[in-house]
């Protein structure tokens, strides 16, 4: 009888523990490319409006080629930059004892017509961080695609 009660207690404990686990919500990955059901000219204008809305200055653009390049955007500067870099990029790993004092990026945006009613946009962020401690140089970072994904949503909001 004790064996049966022990087995039942174990089964009940396992059932209770496994019943407490909530299903994981799928995490939407950050994207750098989007497709819009809109004509090229509409998406081009929405992209320029999104840049203007974010106060991001255009460095160069060529509508015939569908390319827009921005000027440097200062994401963070000062002591907090050392901690805020992780929100948009993986810091460079080859720098010993860095103290990131400024983080920023430029965007290259490629707008490509797919057909008369569909347009593809790819956003490429070139992220850099300045180490004011050991190297006193700018270092390229690896984007986590959050800047790109956020900008794609800004374009979507303009359409």
N, C-alpha and C. Protein backbone atom coordinates (compact mmCIF):
# COMPACT_ATOMS: atom_id res chain seq x y z
N UNK A 1 0.82 -1.19 0.00
CA UNK A 1 0.00 0.00 0.00
C UNK A 1 0.87 1.27 0.00
N UNK A 2 1.97 1.21 0.79
CA UNK A 2 2.88 2.36 0.82
C UNK A 2 3.50 2.61 -0.55
N UNK A 3 3.82 1.51 -1.26
CA UNK A 3 4.42 1.64 -2.59
C UNK A 3 3.44 2.33 -3.53
N UNK A 4 2.19 1.97 -3.47
CA UNK A 4 1.18 2.56 -4.35
C UNK A 4 1.02 4.04 -4.03
N UNK A 5 0.96 4.38 -2.75
CA UNK A 5 0.83 5.79 -2.35
C UNK A 5 2.06 6.60 -2.76
N UNK A 6 3.24 6.01 -2.65
CA UNK A 6 4.46 6.69 -3.07
C UNK A 6 4.46 6.94 -4.57
N UNK A 7 4.06 5.92 -5.34
CA UNK A 7 3.99 6.08 -6.80
C UNK A 7 2.98 7.14 -7.18
N UNK A 8 1.83 7.13 -6.51
CA UNK A 8 0.79 8.12 -6.81
C UNK A 8 1.27 9.53 -6.47
N UNK A 9 2.00 9.67 -5.37
CA UNK A 9 2.53 10.98 -4.98
C UNK A 9 3.53 11.49 -6.01
N UNK A 10 4.37 10.59 -6.51
CA UNK A 10 5.36 10.97 -7.52
C UNK A 10 4.65 11.38 -8.81
N UNK A 11 3.66 10.60 -9.23
CA UNK A 11 2.92 10.91 -10.45
C UNK A 11 2.20 12.24 -10.30
N UNK A 12 1.60 12.47 -9.14
CA UNK A 12 0.90 13.73 -8.89
C UNK A 12 1.88 14.91 -8.91
N UNK A 13 3.04 14.74 -8.31
CA UNK A 13 4.05 15.81 -8.30
C UNK A 13 4.53 16.12 -9.71
N UNK A 14 4.78 15.10 -10.51
CA UNK A 14 5.21 15.31 -11.89
C UNK A 14 4.12 16.02 -12.69
N UNK A 15 2.88 15.61 -12.49
CA UNK A 15 1.76 16.24 -13.21
C UNK A 15 1.61 17.70 -12.81
N UNK A 16 1.76 18.00 -11.53
CA UNK A 16 1.65 19.39 -11.08
C UNK A 16 2.79 20.25 -11.62
N UNK A 17 4.01 19.72 -11.59
CA UNK A 17 5.16 20.49 -12.07
C UNK A 17 5.06 20.75 -13.56
N UNK A 18 4.71 19.73 -14.33
CA UNK A 18 4.62 19.93 -15.78
C UNK A 18 3.42 20.79 -16.15
N UNK A 19 2.39 20.80 -15.33
CA UNK A 19 1.22 21.63 -15.61
C UNK A 19 1.47 23.10 -15.36
N UNK A 20 2.50 23.44 -14.64
CA UNK A 20 2.80 24.83 -14.31
C UNK A 20 3.56 25.54 -15.43
N UNK A 21 4.12 24.79 -16.33
CA UNK A 21 4.92 25.40 -17.40
C UNK A 21 3.99 26.01 -18.44
N UNK A 22 4.13 27.31 -18.65
CA UNK A 22 3.32 28.01 -19.65
C UNK A 22 3.97 27.84 -21.02
N UNK A 23 3.17 27.73 -22.06
CA UNK A 23 3.78 27.62 -23.39
C UNK A 23 4.50 28.92 -23.76
N UNK A 24 5.62 28.77 -24.42
CA UNK A 24 6.41 29.93 -24.82
C UNK A 24 5.78 30.60 -26.03
N UNK A 25 5.70 31.93 -25.99
CA UNK A 25 5.24 32.67 -27.15
C UNK A 25 6.38 32.73 -28.15
N UNK A 26 6.08 32.53 -29.43
CA UNK A 26 7.17 32.63 -30.40
C UNK A 26 7.70 34.06 -30.46
N UNK A 27 9.00 34.17 -30.47
CA UNK A 27 9.64 35.47 -30.52
C UNK A 27 9.78 35.88 -31.98
N UNK A 28 9.28 37.08 -32.30
CA UNK A 28 9.41 37.57 -33.67
C UNK A 28 10.85 38.06 -33.86
N UNK A 29 11.56 37.46 -34.78
CA UNK A 29 12.94 37.88 -34.98
C UNK A 29 13.01 39.27 -35.61
N UNK A 30 14.07 39.97 -35.30
CA UNK A 30 14.28 41.27 -35.93
C UNK A 30 14.60 41.03 -37.40
N UNK A 31 13.98 41.82 -38.23
CA UNK A 31 14.12 41.65 -39.67
C UNK A 31 14.83 42.86 -40.28
N UNK A 32 15.49 42.63 -41.40
CA UNK A 32 16.11 43.74 -42.12
C UNK A 32 15.51 43.91 -43.51
N UNK A 33 14.54 43.06 -43.88
CA UNK A 33 13.91 43.12 -45.18
C UNK A 33 12.41 43.02 -45.03
N UNK A 34 11.68 43.80 -45.83
CA UNK A 34 10.22 43.74 -45.80
C UNK A 34 9.68 43.88 -47.21
N UNK A 35 8.51 43.31 -47.42
CA UNK A 35 7.79 43.43 -48.68
C UNK A 35 6.50 44.19 -48.42
N UNK A 36 6.23 45.19 -49.23
CA UNK A 36 5.04 46.01 -49.07
C UNK A 36 4.16 45.88 -50.31
N UNK A 37 2.86 45.77 -50.10
CA UNK A 37 1.91 45.76 -51.22
C UNK A 37 1.62 47.20 -51.58
N UNK A 38 2.58 47.81 -52.21
CA UNK A 38 2.47 49.21 -52.62
C UNK A 38 3.44 49.44 -53.78
N UNK A 39 3.12 50.44 -54.58
CA UNK A 39 3.98 50.78 -55.72
C UNK A 39 5.31 51.35 -55.23
N UNK A 40 6.32 51.22 -56.09
CA UNK A 40 7.67 51.69 -55.77
C UNK A 40 7.65 53.15 -55.30
N UNK A 41 6.97 54.03 -56.05
CA UNK A 41 6.96 55.46 -55.70
C UNK A 41 6.35 55.70 -54.32
N UNK A 42 5.32 54.95 -53.96
CA UNK A 42 4.70 55.10 -52.64
C UNK A 42 5.67 54.68 -51.55
N UNK A 43 6.34 53.56 -51.76
CA UNK A 43 7.29 53.06 -50.76
C UNK A 43 8.51 53.99 -50.67
N UNK A 44 8.98 54.48 -51.80
CA UNK A 44 10.10 55.42 -51.81
C UNK A 44 9.75 56.66 -50.98
N UNK A 45 8.57 57.22 -51.23
CA UNK A 45 8.14 58.41 -50.49
C UNK A 45 7.92 58.11 -49.01
N UNK A 46 7.38 56.93 -48.71
CA UNK A 46 7.18 56.54 -47.30
C UNK A 46 8.53 56.38 -46.60
N UNK A 47 9.53 55.88 -47.32
CA UNK A 47 10.87 55.73 -46.74
C UNK A 47 11.48 57.09 -46.42
N UNK A 48 11.35 58.02 -47.35
CA UNK A 48 11.86 59.37 -47.10
C UNK A 48 11.10 60.04 -45.95
N UNK A 49 9.79 59.82 -45.88
CA UNK A 49 8.99 60.39 -44.79
C UNK A 49 9.40 59.79 -43.45
N UNK A 50 9.69 58.49 -43.43
CA UNK A 50 10.13 57.83 -42.19
C UNK A 50 11.48 58.38 -41.75
N UNK A 51 12.38 58.60 -42.70
CA UNK A 51 13.68 59.21 -42.35
C UNK A 51 13.48 60.60 -41.77
N UNK A 52 12.63 61.39 -42.41
CA UNK A 52 12.35 62.74 -41.93
C UNK A 52 11.71 62.70 -40.54
N UNK A 53 10.77 61.79 -40.35
CA UNK A 53 10.11 61.66 -39.06
C UNK A 53 11.04 61.27 -37.93
N UNK A 54 12.09 60.55 -38.26
CA UNK A 54 13.09 60.15 -37.26
C UNK A 54 14.25 61.14 -37.19
N UNK A 55 14.18 62.22 -37.96
CA UNK A 55 15.24 63.23 -38.02
C UNK A 55 16.58 62.64 -38.44
N UNK A 56 16.52 61.72 -39.40
CA UNK A 56 17.73 61.10 -39.94
C UNK A 56 18.03 61.78 -41.28
N UNK A 57 19.19 62.41 -41.35
CA UNK A 57 19.57 63.15 -42.56
C UNK A 57 20.04 62.20 -43.66
N UNK A 58 19.61 62.50 -44.88
CA UNK A 58 20.02 61.73 -46.04
C UNK A 58 21.38 62.24 -46.52
N UNK A 59 22.31 61.33 -46.74
CA UNK A 59 23.62 61.69 -47.26
C UNK A 59 23.60 61.67 -48.79
N UNK A 60 23.00 60.62 -49.35
CA UNK A 60 22.87 60.53 -50.81
C UNK A 60 21.68 59.63 -51.14
N UNK A 61 21.13 59.86 -52.33
CA UNK A 61 20.05 58.99 -52.79
C UNK A 61 20.03 58.96 -54.31
N UNK A 62 19.61 57.82 -54.82
CA UNK A 62 19.49 57.63 -56.25
C UNK A 62 18.21 56.84 -56.48
N UNK A 63 17.15 57.53 -56.86
CA UNK A 63 15.84 56.90 -57.02
C UNK A 63 15.86 55.86 -58.13
N UNK A 64 16.58 56.12 -59.21
CA UNK A 64 16.64 55.17 -60.32
C UNK A 64 17.23 53.83 -59.89
N UNK A 65 18.21 53.88 -59.00
CA UNK A 65 18.82 52.65 -58.47
C UNK A 65 18.13 52.16 -57.20
N UNK A 66 17.28 52.99 -56.60
CA UNK A 66 16.55 52.62 -55.39
C UNK A 66 17.42 52.58 -54.15
N UNK A 67 18.40 53.49 -54.07
CA UNK A 67 19.36 53.47 -52.96
C UNK A 67 19.31 54.79 -52.19
N UNK A 68 19.24 54.67 -50.87
CA UNK A 68 19.32 55.83 -49.98
C UNK A 68 20.39 55.54 -48.93
N UNK A 69 21.30 56.48 -48.73
CA UNK A 69 22.32 56.37 -47.67
C UNK A 69 22.13 57.55 -46.73
N UNK A 70 22.25 57.27 -45.44
CA UNK A 70 22.05 58.34 -44.45
C UNK A 70 23.38 58.83 -43.90
N UNK A 71 23.31 59.98 -43.28
CA UNK A 71 24.45 60.48 -42.52
C UNK A 71 24.49 59.74 -41.19
N UNK A 72 25.58 59.92 -40.46
CA UNK A 72 25.77 59.26 -39.17
C UNK A 72 24.68 59.69 -38.18
N UNK A 73 24.10 58.71 -37.52
CA UNK A 73 23.09 58.95 -36.49
C UNK A 73 23.72 58.63 -35.15
N UNK A 74 23.73 59.59 -34.24
CA UNK A 74 24.28 59.36 -32.91
C UNK A 74 23.22 58.66 -32.06
N UNK A 75 23.42 57.38 -31.79
CA UNK A 75 22.46 56.60 -31.00
C UNK A 75 22.60 56.90 -29.51
N UNK A 76 23.82 56.94 -29.02
CA UNK A 76 24.06 57.18 -27.60
C UNK A 76 25.46 57.74 -27.40
N UNK A 77 25.60 58.64 -26.44
CA UNK A 77 26.93 59.15 -26.12
C UNK A 77 27.02 59.41 -24.63
N UNK A 78 28.25 59.45 -24.14
CA UNK A 78 28.47 59.63 -22.72
C UNK A 78 28.59 58.28 -22.02
N UNK A 79 28.58 58.30 -20.70
CA UNK A 79 28.78 57.06 -19.93
C UNK A 79 27.74 55.98 -20.22
N UNK A 80 26.49 56.38 -20.52
CA UNK A 80 25.44 55.39 -20.77
C UNK A 80 25.66 54.62 -22.07
N UNK A 81 26.43 55.15 -22.99
CA UNK A 81 26.67 54.48 -24.27
C UNK A 81 27.29 53.10 -24.05
N UNK A 82 28.12 52.97 -23.03
CA UNK A 82 28.77 51.70 -22.74
C UNK A 82 27.74 50.61 -22.47
N UNK A 83 26.61 50.97 -21.90
CA UNK A 83 25.57 50.01 -21.55
C UNK A 83 24.48 49.92 -22.61
N UNK A 84 24.25 50.99 -23.33
CA UNK A 84 23.16 51.03 -24.31
C UNK A 84 23.52 50.40 -25.65
N UNK A 85 24.80 50.14 -25.88
CA UNK A 85 25.22 49.51 -27.14
C UNK A 85 24.52 48.17 -27.34
N UNK A 86 24.30 47.44 -26.27
CA UNK A 86 23.71 46.10 -26.36
C UNK A 86 22.29 46.11 -26.93
N UNK A 87 21.61 47.25 -26.88
CA UNK A 87 20.25 47.33 -27.41
C UNK A 87 20.21 47.23 -28.92
N UNK A 88 21.30 47.59 -29.61
CA UNK A 88 21.27 47.59 -31.07
C UNK A 88 22.35 46.72 -31.71
N UNK A 89 23.35 46.32 -30.95
CA UNK A 89 24.45 45.59 -31.57
C UNK A 89 25.23 44.76 -30.56
N UNK A 90 25.98 43.84 -31.10
CA UNK A 90 26.95 43.09 -30.31
C UNK A 90 28.25 43.88 -30.35
N UNK A 91 28.76 44.28 -29.19
CA UNK A 91 30.01 45.06 -29.18
C UNK A 91 31.16 44.25 -29.77
N UNK A 92 32.15 44.94 -30.31
CA UNK A 92 33.33 44.24 -30.83
C UNK A 92 34.00 43.42 -29.73
N UNK A 93 34.42 42.22 -30.08
CA UNK A 93 35.01 41.34 -29.06
C UNK A 93 36.52 41.44 -28.96
N UNK A 94 37.19 42.01 -29.94
CA UNK A 94 38.64 42.02 -29.95
C UNK A 94 39.28 43.18 -29.21
N UNK A 95 38.48 43.98 -28.51
CA UNK A 95 39.02 45.16 -27.82
C UNK A 95 39.15 44.83 -26.34
N UNK A 96 40.35 45.03 -25.80
CA UNK A 96 40.57 44.75 -24.38
C UNK A 96 40.21 45.97 -23.54
N UNK A 97 39.42 45.74 -22.51
CA UNK A 97 39.00 46.77 -21.55
C UNK A 97 38.42 48.02 -22.23
N UNK A 98 37.43 47.84 -23.09
CA UNK A 98 36.88 49.01 -23.77
C UNK A 98 35.98 49.83 -22.85
N UNK A 99 35.85 51.08 -23.15
CA UNK A 99 34.88 51.96 -22.51
C UNK A 99 34.18 52.70 -23.65
N UNK A 100 33.03 52.17 -24.05
CA UNK A 100 32.31 52.74 -25.19
C UNK A 100 31.69 54.07 -24.77
N UNK A 101 32.11 55.14 -25.42
CA UNK A 101 31.62 56.47 -25.05
C UNK A 101 30.67 57.06 -26.09
N UNK A 102 30.59 56.43 -27.26
CA UNK A 102 29.66 56.89 -28.29
C UNK A 102 29.31 55.71 -29.19
N UNK A 103 28.03 55.62 -29.54
CA UNK A 103 27.54 54.57 -30.42
C UNK A 103 26.65 55.24 -31.46
N UNK A 104 26.86 54.86 -32.72
CA UNK A 104 26.03 55.44 -33.77
C UNK A 104 26.00 54.54 -34.99
N UNK A 105 25.25 54.97 -35.99
CA UNK A 105 25.10 54.15 -37.18
C UNK A 105 24.75 54.99 -38.40
N UNK A 106 24.98 54.39 -39.56
CA UNK A 106 24.47 54.91 -40.82
C UNK A 106 23.57 53.82 -41.40
N UNK A 107 22.63 54.23 -42.23
CA UNK A 107 21.73 53.28 -42.88
C UNK A 107 21.93 53.31 -44.38
N UNK A 108 21.91 52.16 -44.99
CA UNK A 108 21.81 52.02 -46.43
C UNK A 108 20.48 51.33 -46.68
N UNK A 109 19.63 51.95 -47.47
CA UNK A 109 18.29 51.44 -47.70
C UNK A 109 18.15 51.15 -49.20
N UNK A 110 17.76 49.93 -49.50
CA UNK A 110 17.58 49.50 -50.88
C UNK A 110 16.09 49.28 -51.12
N UNK A 111 15.51 50.06 -52.04
CA UNK A 111 14.09 49.96 -52.37
C UNK A 111 14.01 49.38 -53.78
N UNK A 112 13.38 48.21 -53.90
CA UNK A 112 13.36 47.49 -55.17
C UNK A 112 11.93 47.13 -55.56
N UNK A 113 11.49 47.54 -56.75
CA UNK A 113 10.15 47.11 -57.19
C UNK A 113 10.16 45.62 -57.53
N UNK A 114 9.16 44.90 -57.04
CA UNK A 114 9.02 43.48 -57.36
C UNK A 114 8.12 43.34 -58.60
N UNK A 115 7.01 44.05 -58.57
CA UNK A 115 6.11 44.16 -59.73
C UNK A 115 5.37 45.49 -59.59
N UNK A 116 4.29 45.68 -60.35
CA UNK A 116 3.58 46.97 -60.32
C UNK A 116 3.00 47.31 -58.95
N UNK A 117 2.68 46.30 -58.14
CA UNK A 117 2.00 46.55 -56.86
C UNK A 117 2.76 46.03 -55.64
N UNK A 118 4.02 45.71 -55.79
CA UNK A 118 4.78 45.15 -54.67
C UNK A 118 6.21 45.68 -54.69
N UNK A 119 6.70 46.03 -53.51
CA UNK A 119 8.04 46.61 -53.39
C UNK A 119 8.77 45.98 -52.21
N UNK A 120 10.05 45.72 -52.41
CA UNK A 120 10.91 45.15 -51.36
C UNK A 120 11.81 46.26 -50.83
N UNK A 121 11.99 46.27 -49.49
CA UNK A 121 12.91 47.21 -48.85
C UNK A 121 13.87 46.42 -47.97
N UNK A 122 15.15 46.68 -48.15
CA UNK A 122 16.19 46.10 -47.29
C UNK A 122 16.93 47.24 -46.62
N UNK A 123 17.04 47.16 -45.30
CA UNK A 123 17.72 48.18 -44.51
C UNK A 123 18.99 47.56 -43.92
N UNK A 124 20.11 48.22 -44.17
CA UNK A 124 21.40 47.74 -43.66
C UNK A 124 21.96 48.82 -42.74
N UNK A 125 22.17 48.47 -41.49
CA UNK A 125 22.74 49.41 -40.53
C UNK A 125 24.22 49.10 -40.34
N UNK A 126 25.04 50.12 -40.48
CA UNK A 126 26.48 50.02 -40.22
C UNK A 126 26.69 50.70 -38.86
N UNK A 127 26.90 49.88 -37.82
CA UNK A 127 26.98 50.38 -36.45
C UNK A 127 28.43 50.42 -35.99
N UNK A 128 28.79 51.53 -35.34
CA UNK A 128 30.14 51.69 -34.82
C UNK A 128 30.08 52.22 -33.38
N UNK A 129 31.10 51.86 -32.62
CA UNK A 129 31.23 52.34 -31.24
C UNK A 129 32.64 52.89 -31.04
N UNK A 130 32.72 53.97 -30.27
CA UNK A 130 34.02 54.59 -30.00
C UNK A 130 34.51 54.18 -28.62
N UNK A 131 35.73 53.62 -28.58
CA UNK A 131 36.37 53.24 -27.32
C UNK A 131 37.27 54.38 -26.88
N UNK A 132 36.91 55.00 -25.76
CA UNK A 132 37.75 56.11 -25.29
C UNK A 132 38.78 55.66 -24.26
N UNK A 133 38.85 54.37 -23.99
CA UNK A 133 39.76 53.89 -22.97
C UNK A 133 41.11 53.44 -23.55
N UNK A 134 41.15 52.29 -24.20
CA UNK A 134 42.44 51.75 -24.61
C UNK A 134 42.84 52.10 -26.04
N UNK A 135 41.93 51.95 -27.00
CA UNK A 135 42.32 52.16 -28.39
C UNK A 135 42.08 53.59 -28.88
N UNK A 136 41.09 54.26 -28.30
CA UNK A 136 40.67 55.59 -28.72
C UNK A 136 40.42 55.62 -30.22
N UNK A 137 39.65 54.61 -30.66
CA UNK A 137 39.28 54.46 -32.06
C UNK A 137 37.84 54.01 -32.17
N UNK A 138 37.29 54.16 -33.39
CA UNK A 138 35.97 53.64 -33.72
C UNK A 138 36.12 52.16 -34.08
N UNK A 139 35.14 51.36 -33.67
CA UNK A 139 35.14 49.92 -33.95
C UNK A 139 33.78 49.52 -34.52
N UNK A 140 33.83 48.67 -35.54
CA UNK A 140 32.59 48.18 -36.16
C UNK A 140 31.92 47.16 -35.25
N UNK A 141 30.61 47.26 -35.15
CA UNK A 141 29.82 46.34 -34.33
C UNK A 141 28.96 45.47 -35.22
N UNK A 142 28.48 44.36 -34.68
CA UNK A 142 27.56 43.48 -35.40
C UNK A 142 26.14 43.81 -34.99
N UNK A 143 25.34 44.23 -35.95
CA UNK A 143 23.95 44.63 -35.67
C UNK A 143 23.13 43.43 -35.21
N UNK A 144 22.22 43.68 -34.26
CA UNK A 144 21.27 42.64 -33.87
C UNK A 144 19.96 42.81 -34.64
N UNK A 145 19.96 43.67 -35.62
CA UNK A 145 18.85 43.94 -36.55
C UNK A 145 17.70 44.72 -35.91
N UNK A 146 17.88 45.22 -34.70
CA UNK A 146 16.79 45.99 -34.08
C UNK A 146 16.61 47.36 -34.73
N UNK A 147 17.70 48.01 -35.14
CA UNK A 147 17.59 49.29 -35.82
C UNK A 147 16.87 49.10 -37.15
N UNK A 148 17.26 48.07 -37.88
CA UNK A 148 16.66 47.79 -39.18
C UNK A 148 15.17 47.47 -39.03
N UNK A 149 14.86 46.60 -38.09
CA UNK A 149 13.47 46.19 -37.87
C UNK A 149 12.59 47.37 -37.47
N UNK A 150 13.11 48.21 -36.59
CA UNK A 150 12.37 49.38 -36.14
C UNK A 150 12.10 50.34 -37.31
N UNK A 151 13.10 50.51 -38.19
CA UNK A 151 12.91 51.41 -39.32
C UNK A 151 11.93 50.84 -40.32
N UNK A 152 11.95 49.54 -40.53
CA UNK A 152 10.98 48.89 -41.42
C UNK A 152 9.56 49.15 -40.93
N UNK A 153 9.37 49.11 -39.62
CA UNK A 153 8.04 49.40 -39.07
C UNK A 153 7.66 50.87 -39.25
N UNK A 154 8.65 51.75 -39.21
CA UNK A 154 8.39 53.17 -39.45
C UNK A 154 7.92 53.40 -40.89
N UNK A 155 8.51 52.68 -41.84
CA UNK A 155 8.08 52.77 -43.23
C UNK A 155 6.65 52.26 -43.35
N UNK A 156 6.37 51.11 -42.73
CA UNK A 156 5.04 50.51 -42.77
C UNK A 156 3.99 51.49 -42.24
N UNK A 157 4.34 52.22 -41.19
CA UNK A 157 3.40 53.20 -40.61
C UNK A 157 3.12 54.36 -41.55
N UNK A 158 4.05 54.64 -42.46
CA UNK A 158 3.87 55.74 -43.40
C UNK A 158 2.98 55.35 -44.59
N UNK A 159 2.81 54.06 -44.81
CA UNK A 159 2.03 53.60 -45.97
C UNK A 159 0.54 53.54 -45.66
